[in-house]
Amino acid sequence: LAYGVETSTADGSTYLFEVSPTGPKTVSVGQTFKVDVEITPDVNVPVWYRSTDTNVVTVDDQGNVKALKAGTAVIGVYVAGEAFGITVTVS
């Protein structure tokens, strides 16, 4: 399932972004997964990813997440002023 938000660009046009997975997500130490962001229509909108605890999980610029140690962190997905969080529990 995806989480979708319709928002506007600076020129007033609208687009929809969908984030998947919607969370929360439980993984094991060493496991990886990808956070996908789909933007419709295909417009050039910046996307950033951040982990609230890089000791627990890391995320790269493409949304690839790696579980490092047991704990809980939130992967923040930021799309042109909109934000979405995925809670990740590592066991």
PDB file of N, CA and C in Angstrom:
ATOM      1  N   LEU A   1       0.834  -1.185   0.000  1.00  0.00           N
ATOM      2  CA  LEU A   1       0.000   0.000   0.000  1.00  0.00           C
ATOM      3  C   LEU A   1       0.871   1.238   0.000  1.00  0.00           C
ATOM      4  N   ALA A   2       0.337   2.298  -0.529  1.00  0.00           N
ATOM      5  CA  ALA A   2       1.082   3.541  -0.608  1.00  0.00           C
ATOM      6  C   ALA A   2       0.332   4.648   0.116  1.00  0.00           C
ATOM      7  N   TYR A   3       1.065   5.644   0.535  1.00  0.00           N
ATOM      8  CA  TYR A   3       0.507   6.831   1.155  1.00  0.00           C
ATOM      9  C   TYR A   3       0.622   7.939   0.125  1.00  0.00           C
ATOM     10  N   GLY A   4      -0.464   8.595  -0.225  1.00  0.00           N
ATOM     11  CA  GLY A   4      -0.417   9.617  -1.264  1.00  0.00           C
ATOM     12  C   GLY A   4      -0.840  10.974  -0.754  1.00  0.00           C
ATOM     13  N   VAL A   5      -0.187  12.006  -1.279  1.00  0.00           N
ATOM     14  CA  VAL A   5      -0.510  13.384  -0.950  1.00  0.00           C
ATOM     15  C   VAL A   5      -0.527  14.177  -2.243  1.00  0.00           C
ATOM     16  N   GLU A   6      -1.580  14.967  -2.449  1.00  0.00           N
ATOM     17  CA  GLU A   6      -1.615  15.867  -3.596  1.00  0.00           C
ATOM     18  C   GLU A   6      -1.142  17.227  -3.122  1.00  0.00           C
ATOM     19  N   THR A   7      -0.222  17.819  -3.847  1.00  0.00           N
ATOM     20  CA  THR A   7       0.333  19.101  -3.450  1.00  0.00           C
ATOM     21  C   THR A   7       0.601  19.933  -4.690  1.00  0.00           C
ATOM     22  N   SER A   8       0.961  21.198  -4.518  1.00  0.00           N
ATOM     23  CA  SER A   8       1.159  22.113  -5.634  1.00  0.00           C
ATOM     24  C   SER A   8       2.620  22.476  -5.799  1.00  0.00           C
ATOM     25  N   THR A   9       3.000  22.740  -7.048  1.00  0.00           N
ATOM     26  CA  THR A   9       4.343  23.226  -7.343  1.00  0.00           C
ATOM     27  C   THR A   9       4.317  24.748  -7.308  1.00  0.00           C
ATOM     28  N   ALA A  10       5.481  25.371  -7.451  1.00  0.00           N
ATOM     29  CA  ALA A  10       5.585  26.824  -7.404  1.00  0.00           C
ATOM     30  C   ALA A  10       4.768  27.494  -8.506  1.00  0.00           C
ATOM     31  N   ASP A  11       4.605  26.810  -9.645  1.00  0.00           N
ATOM     32  CA  ASP A  11       3.840  27.411 -10.747  1.00  0.00           C
ATOM     33  C   ASP A  11       2.335  27.162 -10.634  1.00  0.00           C
ATOM     34  N   GLY A  12       1.897  26.541  -9.539  1.00  0.00           N
ATOM     35  CA  GLY A  12       0.478  26.326  -9.310  1.00  0.00           C
ATOM     36  C   GLY A  12      -0.073  25.013  -9.827  1.00  0.00           C
ATOM     37  N   SER A  13       0.735  24.229 -10.541  1.00  0.00           N
ATOM     38  CA  SER A  13       0.262  22.927 -10.997  1.00  0.00           C
ATOM     39  C   SER A  13       0.272  21.952  -9.823  1.00  0.00           C
ATOM     40  N   THR A  14      -0.510  20.901  -9.928  1.00  0.00           N
ATOM     41  CA  THR A  14      -0.574  19.934  -8.834  1.00  0.00           C
ATOM     42  C   THR A  14       0.045  18.613  -9.263  1.00  0.00           C
ATOM     43  N   TYR A  15       0.497  17.866  -8.279  1.00  0.00           N
ATOM     44  CA  TYR A  15       1.025  16.530  -8.510  1.00  0.00           C
ATOM     45  C   TYR A  15       0.725  15.684  -7.286  1.00  0.00           C
ATOM     46  N   LEU A  16       0.807  14.392  -7.477  1.00  0.00           N
ATOM     47  CA  LEU A  16       0.562  13.434  -6.405  1.00  0.00           C
ATOM     48  C   LEU A  16       1.853  12.692  -6.140  1.00  0.00           C
ATOM     49  N   PHE A  17       2.213  12.572  -4.858  1.00  0.00           N
ATOM     50  CA  PHE A  17       3.335  11.691  -4.553  1.00  0.00           C
ATOM     51  C   PHE A  17       2.840  10.576  -3.660  1.00  0.00           C
ATOM     52  N   GLU A  18       3.336   9.384  -3.938  1.00  0.00           N
ATOM     53  CA  GLU A  18       2.972   8.198  -3.173  1.00  0.00           C
ATOM     54  C   GLU A  18       4.232   7.589  -2.586  1.00  0.00           C
ATOM     55  N   VAL A  19       4.163   7.254  -1.301  1.00  0.00           N
ATOM     56  CA  VAL A  19       5.292   6.666  -0.582  1.00  0.00           C
ATOM     57  C   VAL A  19       4.915   5.240  -0.209  1.00  0.00           C
ATOM     58  N   SER A  20       5.824   4.311  -0.431  1.00  0.00           N
ATOM     59  CA  SER A  20       5.593   2.913  -0.083  1.00  0.00           C
ATOM     60  C   SER A  20       6.887   2.333   0.471  1.00  0.00           C
ATOM     61  N   PRO A  21       6.924   1.609   1.566  1.00  0.00           N
ATOM     62  CA  PRO A  21       5.771   1.180   2.363  1.00  0.00           C
ATOM     63  C   PRO A  21       5.234   2.335   3.197  1.00  0.00           C
ATOM     64  N   THR A  22       4.034   2.167   3.689  1.00  0.00           N
ATOM     65  CA  THR A  22       3.440   3.201   4.518  1.00  0.00           C
ATOM     66  C   THR A  22       3.868   3.076   5.973  1.00  0.00           C
ATOM     67  N   GLY A  23       4.444   1.930   6.358  1.00  0.00           N
ATOM     68  CA  GLY A  23       4.917   1.713   7.710  1.00  0.00           C
ATOM     69  C   GLY A  23       3.795   1.321   8.638  1.00  0.00           C
ATOM     70  N   PRO A  24       4.016   1.025   9.879  1.00  0.00           N
ATOM     71  CA  PRO A  24       5.355   0.719  10.399  1.00  0.00           C
ATOM     72  C   PRO A  24       5.908  -0.572   9.796  1.00  0.00           C
ATOM     73  N   LYS A  25       7.212  -0.729   9.897  1.00  0.00           N
ATOM     74  CA  LYS A  25       7.883  -1.879   9.306  1.00  0.00           C
ATOM     75  C   LYS A  25       8.790  -2.503  10.351  1.00  0.00           C
ATOM     76  N   THR A  26       8.787  -3.835  10.425  1.00  0.00           N
ATOM     77  CA  THR A  26       9.657  -4.571  11.341  1.00  0.00           C
ATOM     78  C   THR A  26      10.629  -5.397  10.516  1.00  0.00           C
ATOM     79  N   VAL A  27      11.908  -5.247  10.814  1.00  0.00           N
ATOM     80  CA  VAL A  27      12.961  -5.962  10.085  1.00  0.00           C
ATOM     81  C   VAL A  27      13.973  -6.532  11.068  1.00  0.00           C
ATOM     82  N   SER A  28      14.826  -7.406  10.573  1.00  0.00           N
ATOM     83  CA  SER A  28      15.900  -7.990  11.381  1.00  0.00           C
ATOM     84  C   SER A  28      17.201  -7.254  11.103  1.00  0.00           C
ATOM     85  N   VAL A  29      18.133  -7.327  12.050  1.00  0.00           N
ATOM     86  CA  VAL A  29      19.454  -6.732  11.867  1.00  0.00           C
ATOM     87  C   VAL A  29      20.066  -7.275  10.574  1.00  0.00           C
ATOM     88  N   GLY A  30      20.599  -6.385   9.753  1.00  0.00           N
ATOM     89  CA  GLY A  30      21.215  -6.765   8.491  1.00  0.00           C
ATOM     90  C   GLY A  30      20.277  -6.731   7.300  1.00  0.00           C
ATOM     91  N   GLN A  31      18.976  -6.688   7.556  1.00  0.00           N
ATOM     92  CA  GLN A  31      17.998  -6.683   6.471  1.00  0.00           C
ATOM     93  C   GLN A  31      17.951  -5.310   5.799  1.00  0.00           C
ATOM     94  N   THR A  32      17.628  -5.302   4.513  1.00  0.00           N
ATOM     95  CA  THR A  32      17.491  -4.058   3.764  1.00  0.00           C
ATOM     96  C   THR A  32      16.122  -4.012   3.090  1.00  0.00           C
ATOM     97  N   PHE A  33      15.666  -2.821   2.779  1.00  0.00           N
ATOM     98  CA  PHE A  33      14.465  -2.623   1.977  1.00  0.00           C
ATOM     99  C   PHE A  33      14.540  -1.237   1.351  1.00  0.00           C
ATOM    100  N   LYS A  34      13.662  -0.975   0.418  1.00  0.00           N
ATOM    101  CA  LYS A  34      13.681   0.301  -0.297  1.00  0.00           C
ATOM    102  C   LYS A  34      12.379   1.054  -0.041  1.00  0.00           C
ATOM    103  N   VAL A  35      12.517   2.351   0.211  1.00  0.00           N
ATOM    104  CA  VAL A  35      11.374   3.245   0.283  1.00  0.00           C
ATOM    105  C   VAL A  35      11.185   3.819  -1.116  1.00  0.00           C
ATOM    106  N   ASP A  36      10.024   3.569  -1.694  1.00  0.00           N
ATOM    107  CA  ASP A  36       9.738   4.054  -3.042  1.00  0.00           C
ATOM    108  C   ASP A  36       8.883   5.310  -2.976  1.00  0.00           C
ATOM    109  N   VAL A  37       9.226   6.287  -3.822  1.00  0.00           N
ATOM    110  CA  VAL A  37       8.424   7.498  -3.976  1.00  0.00           C
ATOM    111  C   VAL A  37       8.083   7.622  -5.447  1.00  0.00           C
ATOM    112  N   GLU A  38       6.785   7.664  -5.732  1.00  0.00           N
ATOM    113  CA  GLU A  38       6.323   7.827  -7.113  1.00  0.00           C
ATOM    114  C   GLU A  38       5.618   9.169  -7.218  1.00  0.00           C
ATOM    115  N   ILE A  39       6.015   9.967  -8.189  1.00  0.00           N
ATOM    116  CA  ILE A  39       5.436  11.296  -8.380  1.00  0.00           C
ATOM    117  C   ILE A  39       4.683  11.311  -9.709  1.00  0.00           C
ATOM    118  N   THR A  40       3.400  11.722  -9.664  1.00  0.00           N
ATOM    119  CA  THR A  40       2.561  11.753 -10.849  1.00  0.00           C
ATOM    120  C   THR A  40       1.925  13.130 -10.968  1.00  0.00           C
ATOM    121  N   PRO A  41       1.994  13.829 -12.088  1.00  0.00           N
ATOM    122  CA  PRO A  41       2.781  13.445 -13.250  1.00  0.00           C
ATOM    123  C   PRO A  41       4.262  13.542 -12.936  1.00  0.00           C
ATOM    124  N   ASP A  42       5.079  13.030 -13.807  1.00  0.00           N
ATOM    125  CA  ASP A  42       6.524  12.983 -13.589  1.00  0.00           C
ATOM    126  C   ASP A  42       7.108  14.390 -13.676  1.00  0.00           C
ATOM    127  N   VAL A  43       7.209  15.055 -12.520  1.00  0.00           N
ATOM    128  CA  VAL A  43       7.789  16.396 -12.453  1.00  0.00           C
ATOM    129  C   VAL A  43       9.083  16.317 -11.650  1.00  0.00           C
ATOM    130  N   ASN A  44       9.942  17.268 -11.881  1.00  0.00           N
ATOM    131  CA  ASN A  44      11.226  17.306 -11.178  1.00  0.00           C
ATOM    132  C   ASN A  44      11.026  17.938  -9.808  1.00  0.00           C
ATOM    133  N   VAL A  45      10.817  17.094  -8.804  1.00  0.00           N
ATOM    134  CA  VAL A  45      10.586  17.541  -7.437  1.00  0.00           C
ATOM    135  C   VAL A  45      11.648  16.892  -6.550  1.00  0.00           C
ATOM    136  N   PRO A  46      12.339  17.686  -5.722  1.00  0.00           N
ATOM    137  CA  PRO A  46      13.360  17.094  -4.857  1.00  0.00           C
ATOM    138  C   PRO A  46      12.772  16.152  -3.810  1.00  0.00           C
ATOM    139  N   VAL A  47      13.482  15.041  -3.565  1.00  0.00           N
ATOM    140  CA  VAL A  47      13.096  14.058  -2.558  1.00  0.00           C
ATOM    141  C   VAL A  47      14.299  13.827  -1.650  1.00  0.00           C
ATOM    142  N   TRP A  48      14.077  13.897  -0.332  1.00  0.00           N
ATOM    143  CA  TRP A  48      15.128  13.629   0.647  1.00  0.00           C
ATOM    144  C   TRP A  48      14.678  12.523   1.579  1.00  0.00           C
ATOM    145  N   TYR A  49      15.646  11.775   2.086  1.00  0.00           N
ATOM    146  CA  TYR A  49      15.386  10.721   3.066  1.00  0.00           C
ATOM    147  C   TYR A  49      16.303  10.961   4.256  1.00  0.00           C
ATOM    148  N   ARG A  50      15.788  10.748   5.462  1.00  0.00           N
ATOM    149  CA  ARG A  50      16.593  10.898   6.683  1.00  0.00           C
ATOM    150  C   ARG A  50      16.172   9.847   7.702  1.00  0.00           C
ATOM    151  N   SER A  51      17.132   9.377   8.494  1.00  0.00           N
ATOM    152  CA  SER A  51      16.863   8.472   9.606  1.00  0.00           C
ATOM    153  C   SER A  51      16.980   9.258  10.900  1.00  0.00           C
ATOM    154  N   THR A  52      16.042   9.012  11.828  1.00  0.00           N
ATOM    155  CA  THR A  52      16.121   9.692  13.122  1.00  0.00           C
ATOM    156  C   THR A  52      17.185   9.080  14.020  1.00  0.00           C
ATOM    157  N   ASP A  53      17.644   7.873  13.688  1.00  0.00           N
ATOM    158  CA  ASP A  53      18.706   7.231  14.468  1.00  0.00           C
ATOM    159  C   ASP A  53      19.563   6.383  13.529  1.00  0.00           C
ATOM    160  N   THR A  54      20.667   6.950  13.087  1.00  0.00           N
ATOM    161  CA  THR A  54      21.534   6.254  12.130  1.00  0.00           C
ATOM    162  C   THR A  54      22.309   5.108  12.767  1.00  0.00           C
ATOM    163  N   ASN A  55      22.222   4.942  14.084  1.00  0.00           N
ATOM    164  CA  ASN A  55      22.799   3.762  14.722  1.00  0.00           C
ATOM    165  C   ASN A  55      21.890   2.548  14.542  1.00  0.00           C
ATOM    166  N   VAL A  56      20.586   2.797  14.340  1.00  0.00           N
ATOM    167  CA  VAL A  56      19.609   1.725  14.182  1.00  0.00           C
ATOM    168  C   VAL A  56      19.395   1.410  12.702  1.00  0.00           C
ATOM    169  N   VAL A  57      19.070   2.421  11.902  1.00  0.00           N
ATOM    170  CA  VAL A  57      18.898   2.246  10.457  1.00  0.00           C
ATOM    171  C   VAL A  57      19.520   3.410   9.710  1.00  0.00           C
ATOM    172  N   THR A  58      20.042   3.112   8.541  1.00  0.00           N
ATOM    173  CA  THR A  58      20.546   4.159   7.656  1.00  0.00           C
ATOM    174  C   THR A  58      19.697   4.162   6.393  1.00  0.00           C
ATOM    175  N   VAL A  59      19.690   5.297   5.705  1.00  0.00           N
ATOM    176  CA  VAL A  59      18.979   5.412   4.429  1.00  0.00           C
ATOM    177  C   VAL A  59      19.831   6.275   3.509  1.00  0.00           C
ATOM    178  N   ASP A  60      19.959   5.842   2.251  1.00  0.00           N
ATOM    179  CA  ASP A  60      20.754   6.620   1.303  1.00  0.00           C
ATOM    180  C   ASP A  60      19.853   7.527   0.468  1.00  0.00           C
ATOM    181  N   ASP A  61      20.459   8.250  -0.481  1.00  0.00           N
ATOM    182  CA  ASP A  61      19.727   9.222  -1.294  1.00  0.00           C
ATOM    183  C   ASP A  61      18.713   8.595  -2.243  1.00  0.00           C
ATOM    184  N   GLN A  62      18.780   7.285  -2.440  1.00  0.00           N
ATOM    185  CA  GLN A  62      17.823   6.589  -3.305  1.00  0.00           C
ATOM    186  C   GLN A  62      16.719   5.884  -2.506  1.00  0.00           C
ATOM    187  N   GLY A  63      16.739   6.000  -1.166  1.00  0.00           N
ATOM    188  CA  GLY A  63      15.717   5.387  -0.330  1.00  0.00           C
ATOM    189  C   GLY A  63      16.026   3.974   0.109  1.00  0.00           C
ATOM    190  N   ASN A  64      17.263   3.523  -0.074  1.00  0.00           N
ATOM    191  CA  ASN A  64      17.662   2.187   0.372  1.00  0.00           C
ATOM    192  C   ASN A  64      17.946   2.217   1.870  1.00  0.00           C
ATOM    193  N   VAL A  65      17.234   1.387   2.623  1.00  0.00           N
ATOM    194  CA  VAL A  65      17.322   1.367   4.082  1.00  0.00           C
ATOM    195  C   VAL A  65      18.044   0.106   4.522  1.00  0.00           C
ATOM    196  N   LYS A  66      18.953   0.245   5.504  1.00  0.00           N
ATOM    197  CA  LYS A  66      19.652  -0.911   6.057  1.00  0.00           C
ATOM    198  C   LYS A  66      19.515  -0.893   7.576  1.00  0.00           C
ATOM    199  N   ALA A  67      19.114  -2.052   8.130  1.00  0.00           N
ATOM    200  CA  ALA A  67      18.965  -2.211   9.577  1.00  0.00           C
ATOM    201  C   ALA A  67      20.322  -2.576  10.175  1.00  0.00           C
ATOM    202  N   LEU A  68      20.795  -1.786  11.158  1.00  0.00           N
ATOM    203  CA  LEU A  68      22.124  -1.986  11.731  1.00  0.00           C
ATOM    204  C   LEU A  68      22.110  -2.647  13.100  1.00  0.00           C
ATOM    205  N   LYS A  69      21.161  -2.255  13.955  1.00  0.00           N
ATOM    206  CA  LYS A  69      21.092  -2.848  15.294  1.00  0.00           C
ATOM    207  C   LYS A  69      19.679  -2.721  15.827  1.00  0.00           C
ATOM    208  N   ALA A  70      19.358  -3.494  16.862  1.00  0.00           N
ATOM    209  CA  ALA A  70      18.014  -3.503  17.441  1.00  0.00           C
ATOM    210  C   ALA A  70      17.639  -2.115  17.962  1.00  0.00           C
ATOM    211  N   GLY A  71      16.400  -1.738  17.723  1.00  0.00           N
ATOM    212  CA  GLY A  71      15.897  -0.446  18.167  1.00  0.00           C
ATOM    213  C   GLY A  71      14.804   0.035  17.237  1.00  0.00           C
ATOM    214  N   THR A  72      14.426   1.288  17.414  1.00  0.00           N
ATOM    215  CA  THR A  72      13.382   1.884  16.581  1.00  0.00           C
ATOM    216  C   THR A  72      13.852   3.233  16.080  1.00  0.00           C
ATOM    217  N   ALA A  73      13.566   3.512  14.813  1.00  0.00           N
ATOM    218  CA  ALA A  73      13.887   4.800  14.199  1.00  0.00           C
ATOM    219  C   ALA A  73      12.796   5.124  13.199  1.00  0.00           C
ATOM    220  N   VAL A  74      12.738   6.371  12.791  1.00  0.00           N
ATOM    221  CA  VAL A  74      11.780   6.805  11.780  1.00  0.00           C
ATOM    222  C   VAL A  74      12.558   7.243  10.547  1.00  0.00           C
ATOM    223  N   ILE A  75      12.134   6.717   9.394  1.00  0.00           N
ATOM    224  CA  ILE A  75      12.690   7.179   8.126  1.00  0.00           C
ATOM    225  C   ILE A  75      11.796   8.313   7.662  1.00  0.00           C
ATOM    226  N   GLY A  76      12.346   9.508   7.581  1.00  0.00           N
ATOM    227  CA  GLY A  76      11.606  10.657   7.085  1.00  0.00           C
ATOM    228  C   GLY A  76      11.766  10.758   5.585  1.00  0.00           C
ATOM    229  N   VAL A  77      10.651  10.955   4.895  1.00  0.00           N
ATOM    230  CA  VAL A  77      10.647  11.151   3.456  1.00  0.00           C
ATOM    231  C   VAL A  77      10.111  12.557   3.224  1.00  0.00           C
ATOM    232  N   TYR A  78      10.903  13.395   2.560  1.00  0.00           N
ATOM    233  CA  TYR A  78      10.541  14.791   2.353  1.00  0.00           C
ATOM    234  C   TYR A  78      10.448  15.055   0.857  1.00  0.00           C
ATOM    235  N   VAL A  79       9.263  15.509   0.415  1.00  0.00           N
ATOM    236  CA  VAL A  79       9.017  15.763  -0.995  1.00  0.00           C
ATOM    237  C   VAL A  79       8.493  17.184  -1.120  1.00  0.00           C
ATOM    238  N   ALA A  80       9.355  18.091  -1.547  1.00  0.00           N
ATOM    239  CA  ALA A  80       8.964  19.482  -1.834  1.00  0.00           C
ATOM    240  C   ALA A  80       8.030  20.088  -0.793  1.00  0.00           C
ATOM    241  N   GLY A  81       8.444  20.099   0.443  1.00  0.00           N
ATOM    242  CA  GLY A  81       7.671  20.723   1.502  1.00  0.00           C
ATOM    243  C   GLY A  81       6.698  19.812   2.220  1.00  0.00           C
ATOM    244  N   GLU A  82       6.480  18.616   1.719  1.00  0.00           N
ATOM    245  CA  GLU A  82       5.618  17.637   2.375  1.00  0.00           C
ATOM    246  C   GLU A  82       6.505  16.599   3.061  1.00  0.00           C
ATOM    247  N   ALA A  83       6.046  16.045   4.170  1.00  0.00           N
ATOM    248  CA  ALA A  83       6.840  15.064   4.905  1.00  0.00           C
ATOM    249  C   ALA A  83       5.992  13.854   5.256  1.00  0.00           C
ATOM    250  N   PHE A  84       6.645  12.706   5.287  1.00  0.00           N
ATOM    251  CA  PHE A  84       5.997  11.461   5.664  1.00  0.00           C
ATOM    252  C   PHE A  84       7.021  10.631   6.431  1.00  0.00           C
ATOM    253  N   GLY A  85       6.598   9.957   7.489  1.00  0.00           N
ATOM    254  CA  GLY A  85       7.505   9.153   8.295  1.00  0.00           C
ATOM    255  C   GLY A  85       7.123   7.680   8.286  1.00  0.00           C
ATOM    256  N   ILE A  86       8.136   6.819   8.230  1.00  0.00           N
ATOM    257  CA  ILE A  86       7.938   5.372   8.301  1.00  0.00           C
ATOM    258  C   ILE A  86       8.676   4.893   9.533  1.00  0.00           C
ATOM    259  N   THR A  87       7.953   4.379  10.521  1.00  0.00           N
ATOM    260  CA  THR A  87       8.581   3.847  11.731  1.00  0.00           C
ATOM    261  C   THR A  87       9.139   2.473  11.428  1.00  0.00           C
ATOM    262  N   VAL A  88      10.422   2.276  11.748  1.00  0.00           N
ATOM    263  CA  VAL A  88      11.087   1.013  11.502  1.00  0.00           C
ATOM    264  C   VAL A  88      11.576   0.461  12.842  1.00  0.00           C
ATOM    265  N   THR A  89      11.142  -0.774  13.152  1.00  0.00           N
ATOM    266  CA  THR A  89      11.608  -1.463  14.340  1.00  0.00           C
ATOM    267  C   THR A  89      12.539  -2.578  13.902  1.00  0.00           C
ATOM    268  N   VAL A  90      13.738  -2.592  14.477  1.00  0.00           N
ATOM    269  CA  VAL A  90      14.744  -3.603  14.147  1.00  0.00           C
ATOM    270  C   VAL A  90      14.859  -4.543  15.332  1.00  0.00           C
ATOM    271  N   SER A  91      14.770  -5.854  15.046  1.00  0.00           N
ATOM    272  CA  SER A  91      14.877  -6.826  16.130  1.00  0.00           C
ATOM    273  C   SER A  91      16.052  -7.768  15.885  1.00  0.00           C
TER     274      SER A  91
END
